[in-house]
């Protein structure tokens, strides 16, 4: 059973940046994208589908209530610089299309179902990220999306439980844990590393706080 003790629930982290982006042509592809995010300079409203100042070009694969806000740990940036270079792209947060950037938490520390207060908004972790080809174009590395996926350094998404105002210097406070055993890292391992562990996949498919699409994916692989 998930622990809800104070030592597991209350934890606060300063937001390094709140980031938003407008739709523009993506690198040499010329295709529309809003993956390039820049720091917000004013309070943003977190709505059910994301920050009011943010955009997504491909609403079939990006955005929506289960992928309203994307969080990517700045902790990973140094490792990516060592691995691929791309120092200009990785100079500051926003390279991965994230809306929230922090240092101190990674996929090992955050679990599906974790509930956070951010400003006056309430968020809940809904799923990890499945990187797409736009990362290849963004970094000018032909297999960047695959590298992100296989590394497990994917970041995660939130659904917005309660809309509210978020200032650029807001604090992210974890206020509840529903299933702390299902960290984003463990979900990634179940889907992409231990892909033939049927018991693990079946457990993941029944995780009610996981986004429906990911539960369906786990169920298909379990079958």
N, C-alpha and C. Protein backbone atom coordinates (compact mmCIF):
# COMPACT_ATOMS: atom_id res chain seq x y z
N UNK A 1 0.85 -1.19 0.00
CA UNK A 1 0.00 0.00 0.00
C UNK A 1 0.89 1.24 0.00
N UNK A 2 0.46 2.25 -0.75
CA UNK A 2 1.25 3.48 -0.84
C UNK A 2 1.29 4.19 0.50
N UNK A 3 2.46 4.66 0.85
CA UNK A 3 2.61 5.42 2.08
C UNK A 3 2.21 6.86 1.84
N UNK A 4 1.49 7.44 2.83
CA UNK A 4 1.11 8.84 2.75
C UNK A 4 1.68 9.61 3.92
N UNK A 5 2.72 9.06 4.55
CA UNK A 5 3.33 9.72 5.69
C UNK A 5 3.95 11.04 5.29
N UNK A 6 4.09 11.93 6.27
CA UNK A 6 4.60 13.28 5.98
C UNK A 6 5.97 13.22 5.34
N UNK A 7 6.78 12.24 5.75
CA UNK A 7 8.12 12.16 5.21
C UNK A 7 8.13 11.81 3.73
N UNK A 8 7.03 11.22 3.24
CA UNK A 8 6.95 10.85 1.84
C UNK A 8 6.15 11.85 1.01
N UNK A 9 5.39 12.73 1.67
CA UNK A 9 4.45 13.58 0.96
C UNK A 9 5.00 14.98 0.75
N UNK A 10 5.41 15.64 1.82
CA UNK A 10 5.75 17.06 1.74
C UNK A 10 7.18 17.24 1.29
N UNK A 11 7.31 17.88 0.16
CA UNK A 11 8.63 18.20 -0.35
C UNK A 11 8.45 19.36 -1.31
N UNK A 12 9.29 20.36 -1.17
CA UNK A 12 9.14 21.57 -1.95
C UNK A 12 10.41 21.85 -2.73
N UNK A 13 10.23 22.28 -3.96
CA UNK A 13 11.36 22.55 -4.84
C UNK A 13 11.12 23.87 -5.56
N UNK A 14 12.11 24.75 -5.61
CA UNK A 14 11.92 25.98 -6.39
C UNK A 14 11.91 25.68 -7.88
N UNK A 15 11.07 26.38 -8.61
CA UNK A 15 11.03 26.25 -10.05
C UNK A 15 12.19 27.05 -10.63
N UNK A 16 13.02 26.39 -11.41
CA UNK A 16 14.09 27.12 -12.08
C UNK A 16 13.52 28.06 -13.12
N UNK A 17 12.56 27.54 -13.90
CA UNK A 17 11.91 28.36 -14.91
C UNK A 17 10.53 27.80 -15.22
N UNK A 18 9.60 28.70 -15.51
CA UNK A 18 8.34 28.37 -16.17
C UNK A 18 8.53 28.80 -17.62
N UNK A 19 8.26 27.88 -18.56
CA UNK A 19 8.59 28.15 -19.96
C UNK A 19 7.37 27.94 -20.86
N UNK A 20 7.26 28.78 -21.87
CA UNK A 20 6.17 28.69 -22.84
C UNK A 20 6.74 28.94 -24.23
N UNK A 21 5.98 28.56 -25.25
CA UNK A 21 6.47 28.73 -26.62
C UNK A 21 5.37 29.02 -27.61
N UNK A 22 5.73 29.70 -28.68
CA UNK A 22 4.81 29.98 -29.78
C UNK A 22 5.15 29.06 -30.96
N UNK A 23 4.21 28.88 -31.85
CA UNK A 23 4.40 28.04 -33.02
C UNK A 23 5.26 28.78 -34.05
N UNK A 24 6.29 28.07 -34.54
CA UNK A 24 7.17 28.62 -35.57
C UNK A 24 7.77 27.47 -36.36
N UNK A 25 8.39 27.74 -37.52
CA UNK A 25 9.03 26.66 -38.29
C UNK A 25 10.17 26.03 -37.50
N UNK A 26 10.25 24.70 -37.54
CA UNK A 26 11.25 23.97 -36.77
C UNK A 26 12.48 23.67 -37.61
N UNK A 27 13.57 24.36 -37.31
CA UNK A 27 14.88 24.12 -37.94
C UNK A 27 14.74 23.95 -39.45
N UNK A 28 15.50 23.01 -40.02
CA UNK A 28 15.49 22.83 -41.47
C UNK A 28 14.25 22.13 -41.98
N UNK A 29 13.46 21.53 -41.07
CA UNK A 29 12.27 20.81 -41.51
C UNK A 29 11.20 21.76 -42.04
N UNK A 30 11.19 22.98 -41.52
CA UNK A 30 10.18 23.94 -41.94
C UNK A 30 8.80 23.65 -41.40
N UNK A 31 8.64 22.57 -40.66
CA UNK A 31 7.33 22.19 -40.15
C UNK A 31 7.02 22.97 -38.88
N UNK A 32 5.73 23.26 -38.66
CA UNK A 32 5.38 24.06 -37.49
C UNK A 32 5.59 23.29 -36.19
N UNK A 33 6.10 23.99 -35.19
CA UNK A 33 6.34 23.38 -33.89
C UNK A 33 6.42 24.48 -32.84
N UNK A 34 6.09 24.11 -31.61
CA UNK A 34 6.27 25.03 -30.48
C UNK A 34 7.22 24.43 -29.46
N UNK A 35 8.14 23.57 -29.93
CA UNK A 35 9.07 22.90 -29.02
C UNK A 35 10.05 23.88 -28.39
N UNK A 36 10.30 24.99 -29.05
CA UNK A 36 11.24 25.97 -28.50
C UNK A 36 10.52 26.79 -27.43
N UNK A 37 10.87 26.54 -26.18
CA UNK A 37 10.23 27.23 -25.06
C UNK A 37 11.18 28.28 -24.47
N UNK A 38 10.61 29.39 -24.03
CA UNK A 38 11.40 30.47 -23.45
C UNK A 38 10.81 30.82 -22.08
N UNK A 39 11.64 31.38 -21.19
CA UNK A 39 11.16 31.70 -19.84
C UNK A 39 10.01 32.70 -19.87
N UNK A 40 9.00 32.42 -19.05
CA UNK A 40 7.88 33.36 -18.91
C UNK A 40 8.33 34.55 -18.07
N UNK A 41 7.85 35.73 -18.43
CA UNK A 41 8.23 36.94 -17.69
C UNK A 41 7.04 37.53 -16.95
N UNK A 42 5.97 36.74 -16.85
CA UNK A 42 4.76 37.20 -16.14
C UNK A 42 4.06 35.97 -15.58
N UNK A 43 3.15 36.15 -14.64
CA UNK A 43 2.37 35.00 -14.15
C UNK A 43 1.58 34.36 -15.28
N UNK A 44 1.52 33.03 -15.26
CA UNK A 44 0.78 32.26 -16.26
C UNK A 44 -0.36 31.52 -15.56
N UNK A 45 -1.46 31.37 -16.27
CA UNK A 45 -2.57 30.58 -15.71
C UNK A 45 -2.44 29.16 -16.20
N UNK A 46 -2.41 28.22 -15.26
CA UNK A 46 -2.41 26.79 -15.60
C UNK A 46 -3.85 26.37 -15.79
N UNK A 47 -4.21 26.01 -17.02
CA UNK A 47 -5.55 25.56 -17.34
C UNK A 47 -5.55 24.04 -17.52
N UNK A 48 -6.70 23.48 -17.78
CA UNK A 48 -6.80 22.03 -17.95
C UNK A 48 -5.95 21.52 -19.11
N UNK A 49 -5.66 22.40 -20.06
CA UNK A 49 -4.87 21.97 -21.22
C UNK A 49 -3.50 22.64 -21.28
N UNK A 50 -3.07 23.25 -20.18
CA UNK A 50 -1.72 23.80 -20.15
C UNK A 50 -1.70 25.28 -19.81
N UNK A 51 -0.52 25.88 -19.88
CA UNK A 51 -0.38 27.29 -19.57
C UNK A 51 -1.02 28.14 -20.66
N UNK A 52 -1.67 29.22 -20.25
CA UNK A 52 -2.41 30.04 -21.21
C UNK A 52 -1.50 30.72 -22.22
N UNK A 53 -0.23 30.85 -21.94
CA UNK A 53 0.69 31.49 -22.88
C UNK A 53 1.47 30.51 -23.73
N UNK A 54 1.10 29.22 -23.66
CA UNK A 54 1.85 28.18 -24.37
C UNK A 54 1.05 27.68 -25.57
N UNK A 55 1.76 27.08 -26.53
CA UNK A 55 1.11 26.55 -27.74
C UNK A 55 1.65 25.17 -28.06
N UNK A 56 0.88 24.40 -28.83
CA UNK A 56 1.31 23.15 -29.43
C UNK A 56 0.83 23.15 -30.88
N UNK A 57 1.73 22.75 -31.78
CA UNK A 57 1.38 22.76 -33.21
C UNK A 57 0.62 21.51 -33.61
N UNK A 58 0.96 20.38 -33.01
CA UNK A 58 0.36 19.10 -33.38
C UNK A 58 -0.49 18.60 -32.22
N UNK A 59 -1.76 18.96 -32.24
CA UNK A 59 -2.62 18.62 -31.11
C UNK A 59 -3.03 17.15 -31.10
N UNK A 60 -2.73 16.41 -32.17
CA UNK A 60 -3.00 14.98 -32.17
C UNK A 60 -2.04 14.24 -31.25
N UNK A 61 -0.78 14.69 -31.22
CA UNK A 61 0.25 13.98 -30.46
C UNK A 61 0.76 14.77 -29.25
N UNK A 62 0.42 16.04 -29.16
CA UNK A 62 0.93 16.87 -28.07
C UNK A 62 -0.22 17.62 -27.42
N UNK A 63 -0.02 17.99 -26.17
CA UNK A 63 -1.03 18.74 -25.46
C UNK A 63 -2.20 17.86 -25.03
N UNK A 64 -3.28 18.50 -24.65
CA UNK A 64 -4.43 17.78 -24.12
C UNK A 64 -4.36 17.69 -22.61
N UNK A 65 -5.42 17.21 -22.00
CA UNK A 65 -5.51 17.23 -20.54
C UNK A 65 -4.51 16.30 -19.87
N UNK A 66 -4.14 15.17 -20.50
CA UNK A 66 -3.20 14.25 -19.88
C UNK A 66 -1.74 14.65 -20.12
N UNK A 67 -1.53 15.62 -21.00
CA UNK A 67 -0.19 16.14 -21.26
C UNK A 67 -0.23 17.66 -21.23
N UNK A 68 -0.86 18.17 -20.19
CA UNK A 68 -1.07 19.62 -20.12
C UNK A 68 0.22 20.38 -19.89
N UNK A 69 1.08 19.86 -19.01
CA UNK A 69 2.32 20.56 -18.63
C UNK A 69 3.46 19.55 -18.64
N UNK A 70 4.54 19.89 -19.33
CA UNK A 70 5.70 19.00 -19.42
C UNK A 70 6.81 19.50 -18.50
N UNK A 71 7.38 18.59 -17.74
CA UNK A 71 8.45 18.88 -16.78
C UNK A 71 9.69 18.09 -17.20
N UNK A 72 10.80 18.80 -17.36
CA UNK A 72 12.06 18.11 -17.69
C UNK A 72 13.14 18.57 -16.73
N UNK A 73 13.82 17.63 -16.06
CA UNK A 73 14.84 18.00 -15.08
C UNK A 73 16.05 18.67 -15.73
N UNK A 74 16.43 19.82 -15.21
CA UNK A 74 17.65 20.47 -15.69
C UNK A 74 18.88 19.65 -15.30
N UNK A 75 18.70 18.75 -14.34
CA UNK A 75 19.78 17.85 -13.90
C UNK A 75 20.38 17.07 -15.07
N UNK A 76 19.59 16.82 -16.12
CA UNK A 76 20.07 15.99 -17.24
C UNK A 76 20.91 16.77 -18.26
N UNK A 77 20.87 18.09 -18.19
CA UNK A 77 21.49 18.89 -19.25
C UNK A 77 23.00 18.65 -19.36
N UNK A 78 23.68 18.57 -18.23
CA UNK A 78 25.13 18.38 -18.28
C UNK A 78 25.48 17.06 -18.96
N UNK A 79 24.72 16.00 -18.66
CA UNK A 79 24.96 14.71 -19.29
C UNK A 79 24.74 14.76 -20.79
N UNK A 80 23.70 15.48 -21.23
CA UNK A 80 23.47 15.60 -22.67
C UNK A 80 24.57 16.41 -23.34
N UNK A 81 25.06 17.44 -22.68
CA UNK A 81 26.17 18.21 -23.27
C UNK A 81 27.39 17.34 -23.46
N UNK A 82 27.68 16.49 -22.46
CA UNK A 82 28.82 15.57 -22.57
C UNK A 82 28.62 14.57 -23.69
N UNK A 83 27.36 14.14 -23.90
CA UNK A 83 27.08 13.08 -24.86
C UNK A 83 26.98 13.56 -26.30
N UNK A 84 26.31 14.70 -26.51
CA UNK A 84 26.06 15.12 -27.89
C UNK A 84 26.62 16.49 -28.23
N UNK A 85 27.16 17.20 -27.25
CA UNK A 85 27.59 18.57 -27.54
C UNK A 85 26.37 19.48 -27.51
N UNK A 86 26.06 20.06 -28.67
CA UNK A 86 24.88 20.93 -28.81
C UNK A 86 24.82 21.97 -27.70
N UNK A 87 25.97 22.57 -27.41
CA UNK A 87 26.05 23.49 -26.28
C UNK A 87 25.11 24.67 -26.42
N UNK A 88 24.91 25.16 -27.65
CA UNK A 88 24.04 26.33 -27.83
C UNK A 88 22.60 26.00 -27.49
N UNK A 89 22.11 24.84 -27.94
CA UNK A 89 20.74 24.44 -27.66
C UNK A 89 20.55 24.18 -26.17
N UNK A 90 21.59 23.63 -25.54
CA UNK A 90 21.50 23.23 -24.14
C UNK A 90 22.00 24.31 -23.18
N UNK A 91 22.10 25.52 -23.69
CA UNK A 91 22.62 26.60 -22.85
C UNK A 91 21.71 26.92 -21.68
N UNK A 92 20.40 26.85 -21.91
CA UNK A 92 19.45 27.08 -20.82
C UNK A 92 18.25 26.16 -21.00
N UNK A 93 17.42 26.10 -19.97
CA UNK A 93 16.23 25.23 -20.01
C UNK A 93 15.33 25.60 -21.18
N UNK A 94 14.55 24.62 -21.63
CA UNK A 94 13.63 24.82 -22.74
C UNK A 94 14.00 24.01 -23.97
N UNK A 95 15.16 23.36 -23.95
CA UNK A 95 15.64 22.63 -25.12
C UNK A 95 14.76 21.44 -25.47
N UNK A 96 14.11 20.85 -24.48
CA UNK A 96 13.31 19.65 -24.70
C UNK A 96 11.81 19.97 -24.79
N UNK A 97 11.48 21.23 -24.91
CA UNK A 97 10.08 21.61 -25.00
C UNK A 97 9.36 21.61 -23.68
N UNK A 98 10.12 21.67 -22.59
CA UNK A 98 9.51 21.59 -21.26
C UNK A 98 8.87 22.91 -20.85
N UNK A 99 7.84 22.80 -20.02
CA UNK A 99 7.18 23.97 -19.43
C UNK A 99 7.70 24.27 -18.03
N UNK A 100 8.21 23.23 -17.34
CA UNK A 100 8.78 23.41 -16.01
C UNK A 100 10.19 22.85 -16.00
N UNK A 101 11.11 23.62 -15.40
CA UNK A 101 12.49 23.17 -15.24
C UNK A 101 12.88 23.29 -13.77
N UNK A 102 13.43 22.20 -13.23
CA UNK A 102 13.89 22.21 -11.85
C UNK A 102 15.21 21.46 -11.76
N UNK A 103 15.90 21.65 -10.67
CA UNK A 103 17.08 20.85 -10.33
C UNK A 103 16.81 20.21 -8.98
N UNK A 104 17.04 18.90 -8.89
CA UNK A 104 16.85 18.21 -7.62
C UNK A 104 15.95 17.00 -7.70
N UNK A 105 15.10 16.94 -8.70
CA UNK A 105 14.24 15.77 -8.90
C UNK A 105 14.46 15.23 -10.30
N UNK A 106 14.50 13.91 -10.40
CA UNK A 106 14.54 13.25 -11.70
C UNK A 106 13.44 12.19 -11.74
N UNK A 107 13.46 11.38 -12.77
CA UNK A 107 12.46 10.33 -12.94
C UNK A 107 12.48 9.31 -11.81
N UNK A 108 13.57 9.26 -11.04
CA UNK A 108 13.66 8.35 -9.91
C UNK A 108 12.90 8.87 -8.69
N UNK A 109 12.61 10.16 -8.67
CA UNK A 109 12.04 10.80 -7.48
C UNK A 109 10.56 11.11 -7.59
N UNK A 110 10.02 11.03 -8.79
CA UNK A 110 8.64 11.45 -9.04
C UNK A 110 7.85 10.25 -9.55
N UNK A 111 6.64 10.08 -9.04
CA UNK A 111 5.83 8.91 -9.39
C UNK A 111 4.50 9.32 -10.00
N UNK A 112 3.96 8.43 -10.82
CA UNK A 112 2.62 8.62 -11.36
C UNK A 112 1.64 8.77 -10.20
N UNK A 113 0.77 9.76 -10.29
CA UNK A 113 -0.20 10.01 -9.23
C UNK A 113 0.25 11.02 -8.20
N UNK A 114 1.54 11.37 -8.17
CA UNK A 114 1.99 12.41 -7.25
C UNK A 114 1.22 13.70 -7.51
N UNK A 115 0.79 14.36 -6.45
CA UNK A 115 0.02 15.60 -6.55
C UNK A 115 0.88 16.75 -6.04
N UNK A 116 0.89 17.82 -6.80
CA UNK A 116 1.71 18.98 -6.49
C UNK A 116 0.87 20.25 -6.48
N UNK A 117 1.27 21.17 -5.62
CA UNK A 117 0.72 22.53 -5.67
C UNK A 117 1.77 23.42 -6.32
N UNK A 118 1.34 24.18 -7.31
CA UNK A 118 2.22 25.11 -8.02
C UNK A 118 1.48 26.43 -8.11
N UNK A 119 1.93 27.42 -7.36
CA UNK A 119 1.16 28.65 -7.25
C UNK A 119 -0.19 28.32 -6.64
N UNK A 120 -1.26 28.72 -7.30
CA UNK A 120 -2.59 28.37 -6.82
C UNK A 120 -3.19 27.20 -7.61
N UNK A 121 -2.40 26.58 -8.49
CA UNK A 121 -2.85 25.43 -9.28
C UNK A 121 -2.47 24.13 -8.57
N UNK A 122 -3.20 23.07 -8.89
CA UNK A 122 -2.88 21.73 -8.39
C UNK A 122 -2.67 20.81 -9.59
N UNK A 123 -1.53 20.13 -9.59
CA UNK A 123 -1.14 19.27 -10.70
C UNK A 123 -1.00 17.83 -10.22
N UNK A 124 -1.15 16.88 -11.15
CA UNK A 124 -0.91 15.48 -10.84
C UNK A 124 -0.12 14.84 -11.97
N UNK A 125 0.91 14.08 -11.61
CA UNK A 125 1.73 13.40 -12.61
C UNK A 125 0.87 12.34 -13.32
N UNK A 126 0.85 12.39 -14.65
CA UNK A 126 -0.04 11.52 -15.43
C UNK A 126 0.71 10.47 -16.23
N UNK A 127 1.93 10.76 -16.69
CA UNK A 127 2.66 9.82 -17.53
C UNK A 127 4.06 10.35 -17.78
N UNK A 128 4.92 9.49 -18.34
CA UNK A 128 6.20 9.94 -18.82
C UNK A 128 6.05 10.52 -20.21
N UNK A 129 7.18 10.88 -20.78
CA UNK A 129 7.16 11.43 -22.13
C UNK A 129 7.62 10.38 -23.13
N UNK A 130 6.95 10.34 -24.28
CA UNK A 130 7.40 9.55 -25.41
C UNK A 130 7.96 10.52 -26.44
N UNK A 131 9.27 10.63 -26.55
CA UNK A 131 9.86 11.64 -27.44
C UNK A 131 9.55 11.36 -28.92
N UNK A 132 9.45 12.42 -29.70
CA UNK A 132 9.14 12.29 -31.13
C UNK A 132 10.26 12.87 -31.97
N UNK A 133 10.10 12.80 -33.29
CA UNK A 133 11.12 13.20 -34.26
C UNK A 133 11.53 14.66 -34.11
N UNK A 134 10.70 15.48 -33.50
CA UNK A 134 11.02 16.90 -33.40
C UNK A 134 12.28 17.15 -32.58
N UNK A 135 12.59 16.23 -31.67
CA UNK A 135 13.85 16.36 -30.94
C UNK A 135 15.04 16.17 -31.88
N UNK A 136 14.91 15.30 -32.87
CA UNK A 136 15.98 15.11 -33.85
C UNK A 136 16.28 16.42 -34.58
N UNK A 137 15.20 17.09 -35.02
CA UNK A 137 15.36 18.35 -35.73
C UNK A 137 15.86 19.45 -34.80
N UNK A 138 15.35 19.45 -33.61
CA UNK A 138 15.73 20.50 -32.64
C UNK A 138 17.22 20.46 -32.34
N UNK A 139 17.76 19.26 -32.15
CA UNK A 139 19.16 19.11 -31.77
C UNK A 139 20.08 18.85 -32.96
N UNK A 140 19.49 18.64 -34.14
CA UNK A 140 20.27 18.27 -35.33
C UNK A 140 21.08 17.00 -35.07
N UNK A 141 20.44 16.07 -34.36
CA UNK A 141 21.00 14.75 -34.08
C UNK A 141 19.95 13.75 -34.55
N UNK A 142 20.28 12.93 -35.55
CA UNK A 142 19.27 12.15 -36.24
C UNK A 142 18.56 11.12 -35.36
N UNK A 143 19.20 10.70 -34.27
CA UNK A 143 18.57 9.71 -33.40
C UNK A 143 18.33 10.26 -31.99
N UNK A 144 18.15 11.57 -31.88
CA UNK A 144 18.00 12.17 -30.55
C UNK A 144 16.77 11.64 -29.82
N UNK A 145 15.66 11.49 -30.51
CA UNK A 145 14.45 10.98 -29.86
C UNK A 145 14.69 9.58 -29.31
N UNK A 146 15.38 8.75 -30.08
CA UNK A 146 15.70 7.40 -29.63
C UNK A 146 16.64 7.43 -28.43
N UNK A 147 17.60 8.33 -28.45
CA UNK A 147 18.54 8.45 -27.32
C UNK A 147 17.80 8.82 -26.04
N UNK A 148 16.88 9.76 -26.15
CA UNK A 148 16.11 10.17 -24.97
C UNK A 148 15.30 9.00 -24.45
N UNK A 149 14.65 8.27 -25.36
CA UNK A 149 13.81 7.15 -24.94
C UNK A 149 14.63 6.05 -24.27
N UNK A 150 15.73 5.66 -24.88
CA UNK A 150 16.52 4.55 -24.34
C UNK A 150 17.27 4.94 -23.08
N UNK A 151 17.52 6.22 -22.88
CA UNK A 151 18.23 6.66 -21.68
C UNK A 151 17.33 6.69 -20.45
N UNK A 152 16.02 6.80 -20.66
CA UNK A 152 15.10 6.97 -19.53
C UNK A 152 15.03 8.40 -19.02
N UNK A 153 15.81 9.29 -19.63
CA UNK A 153 15.80 10.71 -19.24
C UNK A 153 14.72 11.42 -20.07
N UNK A 154 13.48 11.09 -19.79
CA UNK A 154 12.38 11.52 -20.63
C UNK A 154 11.60 12.71 -20.10
N UNK A 155 11.66 12.94 -18.80
CA UNK A 155 10.77 13.91 -18.20
C UNK A 155 9.38 13.31 -18.02
N UNK A 156 8.43 14.13 -17.62
CA UNK A 156 7.07 13.63 -17.36
C UNK A 156 6.04 14.73 -17.58
N UNK A 157 4.79 14.31 -17.59
CA UNK A 157 3.67 15.23 -17.81
C UNK A 157 2.77 15.29 -16.59
N UNK A 158 2.06 16.43 -16.49
CA UNK A 158 1.03 16.63 -15.47
C UNK A 158 -0.32 16.85 -16.13
N UNK A 159 -1.36 16.37 -15.46
CA UNK A 159 -2.72 16.85 -15.70
C UNK A 159 -2.99 17.94 -14.66
N UNK A 160 -3.87 18.86 -14.97
CA UNK A 160 -4.19 19.96 -14.05
C UNK A 160 -5.50 19.62 -13.33
N UNK A 161 -5.40 19.36 -12.04
CA UNK A 161 -6.59 19.04 -11.25
C UNK A 161 -7.37 20.29 -10.88
N UNK A 162 -6.65 21.35 -10.55
CA UNK A 162 -7.28 22.64 -10.23
C UNK A 162 -6.52 23.74 -10.95
N UNK A 163 -7.22 24.51 -11.75
CA UNK A 163 -6.59 25.61 -12.46
C UNK A 163 -6.15 26.69 -11.48
N UNK A 164 -5.12 27.46 -11.87
CA UNK A 164 -4.65 28.52 -10.99
C UNK A 164 -3.54 29.32 -11.61
N UNK A 165 -3.10 30.34 -10.89
CA UNK A 165 -2.06 31.24 -11.35
C UNK A 165 -0.68 30.76 -10.89
N UNK A 166 0.29 30.85 -11.79
CA UNK A 166 1.65 30.39 -11.50
C UNK A 166 2.62 31.51 -11.86
N UNK A 167 3.36 31.99 -10.88
CA UNK A 167 4.35 33.03 -11.15
C UNK A 167 5.66 32.37 -11.58
N UNK A 168 6.53 33.10 -12.29
CA UNK A 168 7.79 32.52 -12.75
C UNK A 168 8.68 32.00 -11.62
N UNK A 169 8.50 32.52 -10.41
CA UNK A 169 9.33 32.08 -9.28
C UNK A 169 8.55 31.21 -8.30
N UNK A 170 7.52 30.54 -8.80
CA UNK A 170 6.68 29.71 -7.93
C UNK A 170 7.46 28.54 -7.33
N UNK A 171 6.94 27.99 -6.24
CA UNK A 171 7.50 26.80 -5.62
C UNK A 171 6.62 25.61 -5.99
N UNK A 172 7.25 24.48 -6.26
CA UNK A 172 6.53 23.24 -6.57
C UNK A 172 6.54 22.39 -5.31
N UNK A 173 5.35 22.19 -4.74
CA UNK A 173 5.24 21.47 -3.47
C UNK A 173 4.45 20.18 -3.66
N UNK A 174 5.07 19.06 -3.34
CA UNK A 174 4.35 17.78 -3.40
C UNK A 174 3.47 17.66 -2.16
N UNK A 175 2.18 17.44 -2.38
CA UNK A 175 1.24 17.42 -1.26
C UNK A 175 0.58 16.06 -1.07
N UNK A 176 0.76 15.13 -2.00
CA UNK A 176 0.19 13.80 -1.81
C UNK A 176 0.91 12.82 -2.73
N UNK A 177 0.91 11.56 -2.29
CA UNK A 177 1.48 10.47 -3.10
C UNK A 177 0.47 9.34 -3.12
N UNK A 178 0.07 8.93 -4.30
CA UNK A 178 -0.93 7.88 -4.45
C UNK A 178 -0.27 6.52 -4.64
N UNK A 179 0.76 6.49 -5.47
CA UNK A 179 1.44 5.22 -5.77
C UNK A 179 2.94 5.48 -5.92
N UNK A 180 3.62 5.78 -4.81
CA UNK A 180 5.03 6.15 -4.88
C UNK A 180 5.94 5.06 -5.43
N UNK A 181 5.46 3.81 -5.41
CA UNK A 181 6.27 2.72 -5.96
C UNK A 181 6.36 2.79 -7.49
N UNK A 182 5.43 3.52 -8.13
CA UNK A 182 5.42 3.62 -9.59
C UNK A 182 6.08 4.93 -10.02
N UNK A 183 7.39 5.00 -9.79
CA UNK A 183 8.13 6.17 -10.26
C UNK A 183 8.11 6.21 -11.78
N UNK A 184 8.40 7.37 -12.32
CA UNK A 184 8.49 7.49 -13.78
C UNK A 184 9.56 6.55 -14.32
N UNK A 185 10.65 6.39 -13.58
CA UNK A 185 11.69 5.46 -14.01
C UNK A 185 11.17 4.03 -14.07
N UNK A 186 10.38 3.63 -13.06
CA UNK A 186 9.87 2.25 -13.05
C UNK A 186 8.86 2.03 -14.17
N UNK A 187 8.03 3.02 -14.43
CA UNK A 187 7.10 2.92 -15.56
C UNK A 187 7.87 2.75 -16.86
N UNK A 188 8.91 3.55 -17.04
CA UNK A 188 9.76 3.44 -18.24
C UNK A 188 10.38 2.05 -18.35
N UNK A 189 10.87 1.53 -17.25
CA UNK A 189 11.49 0.20 -17.28
C UNK A 189 10.46 -0.87 -17.66
N UNK A 190 9.24 -0.75 -17.13
CA UNK A 190 8.20 -1.74 -17.43
C UNK A 190 7.85 -1.74 -18.91
N UNK A 191 7.80 -0.55 -19.52
CA UNK A 191 7.37 -0.44 -20.91
C UNK A 191 8.49 -0.63 -21.92
N UNK A 192 9.72 -0.29 -21.54
CA UNK A 192 10.79 -0.25 -22.54
C UNK A 192 12.02 -1.08 -22.21
N UNK A 193 12.12 -1.59 -21.00
CA UNK A 193 13.28 -2.42 -20.64
C UNK A 193 12.82 -3.84 -20.32
N UNK A 194 11.94 -4.00 -19.34
CA UNK A 194 11.42 -5.32 -18.98
C UNK A 194 10.12 -5.58 -19.74
N UNK A 195 10.18 -5.52 -21.04
CA UNK A 195 8.99 -5.53 -21.88
C UNK A 195 8.25 -6.88 -21.88
N UNK A 196 8.91 -7.92 -21.40
CA UNK A 196 8.28 -9.24 -21.40
C UNK A 196 7.85 -9.68 -20.00
N UNK A 197 7.90 -8.75 -19.06
CA UNK A 197 7.47 -9.05 -17.69
C UNK A 197 5.96 -8.81 -17.62
N UNK A 198 5.19 -9.87 -17.89
CA UNK A 198 3.73 -9.73 -18.00
C UNK A 198 3.11 -9.26 -16.70
N UNK A 199 3.59 -9.78 -15.59
CA UNK A 199 3.01 -9.39 -14.30
C UNK A 199 3.19 -7.90 -14.05
N UNK A 200 4.37 -7.40 -14.36
CA UNK A 200 4.65 -5.98 -14.17
C UNK A 200 3.77 -5.14 -15.09
N UNK A 201 3.61 -5.55 -16.33
CA UNK A 201 2.78 -4.83 -17.28
C UNK A 201 1.31 -4.84 -16.87
N UNK A 202 0.85 -5.97 -16.35
CA UNK A 202 -0.54 -6.04 -15.91
C UNK A 202 -0.79 -5.10 -14.73
N UNK A 203 0.18 -5.02 -13.84
CA UNK A 203 0.05 -4.09 -12.70
C UNK A 203 0.01 -2.65 -13.20
N UNK A 204 0.85 -2.36 -14.18
CA UNK A 204 0.87 -1.01 -14.73
C UNK A 204 -0.44 -0.68 -15.43
N UNK A 205 -1.00 -1.65 -16.14
CA UNK A 205 -2.26 -1.44 -16.86
C UNK A 205 -3.42 -1.14 -15.92
N UNK A 206 -3.31 -1.54 -14.67
CA UNK A 206 -4.39 -1.31 -13.71
C UNK A 206 -4.15 -0.07 -12.84
N UNK A 207 -3.11 0.68 -13.13
CA UNK A 207 -2.77 1.86 -12.34
C UNK A 207 -3.70 3.00 -12.74
N UNK A 208 -4.66 3.30 -11.90
CA UNK A 208 -5.76 4.20 -12.27
C UNK A 208 -5.31 5.63 -12.55
N UNK A 209 -4.22 6.07 -11.93
CA UNK A 209 -3.78 7.45 -12.13
C UNK A 209 -2.88 7.62 -13.36
N UNK A 210 -2.53 6.52 -14.00
CA UNK A 210 -1.74 6.59 -15.23
C UNK A 210 -2.66 6.98 -16.39
N UNK A 211 -2.16 7.79 -17.30
CA UNK A 211 -2.95 8.22 -18.45
C UNK A 211 -3.51 7.00 -19.20
N UNK A 212 -4.73 7.11 -19.68
CA UNK A 212 -5.43 6.00 -20.33
C UNK A 212 -4.62 5.40 -21.47
N UNK A 213 -4.00 6.23 -22.29
CA UNK A 213 -3.23 5.72 -23.41
C UNK A 213 -2.09 4.83 -22.97
N UNK A 214 -1.45 5.18 -21.87
CA UNK A 214 -0.34 4.37 -21.37
C UNK A 214 -0.84 3.08 -20.73
N UNK A 215 -2.00 3.13 -20.09
CA UNK A 215 -2.57 1.90 -19.53
C UNK A 215 -2.94 0.94 -20.65
N UNK A 216 -3.46 1.46 -21.74
CA UNK A 216 -3.80 0.62 -22.88
C UNK A 216 -2.54 0.02 -23.50
N UNK A 217 -1.47 0.81 -23.58
CA UNK A 217 -0.20 0.30 -24.10
C UNK A 217 0.31 -0.85 -23.24
N UNK A 218 0.27 -0.67 -21.92
CA UNK A 218 0.72 -1.73 -21.01
C UNK A 218 -0.13 -2.98 -21.16
N UNK A 219 -1.45 -2.80 -21.31
CA UNK A 219 -2.35 -3.95 -21.46
C UNK A 219 -2.07 -4.70 -22.76
N UNK A 220 -1.83 -3.96 -23.84
CA UNK A 220 -1.51 -4.61 -25.13
C UNK A 220 -0.24 -5.43 -25.02
N UNK A 221 0.77 -4.86 -24.37
CA UNK A 221 2.04 -5.59 -24.26
C UNK A 221 1.91 -6.78 -23.32
N UNK A 222 1.06 -6.67 -22.32
CA UNK A 222 0.84 -7.81 -21.42
C UNK A 222 0.18 -8.95 -22.17
N UNK A 223 -0.71 -8.63 -23.09
CA UNK A 223 -1.38 -9.67 -23.88
C UNK A 223 -0.43 -10.33 -24.88
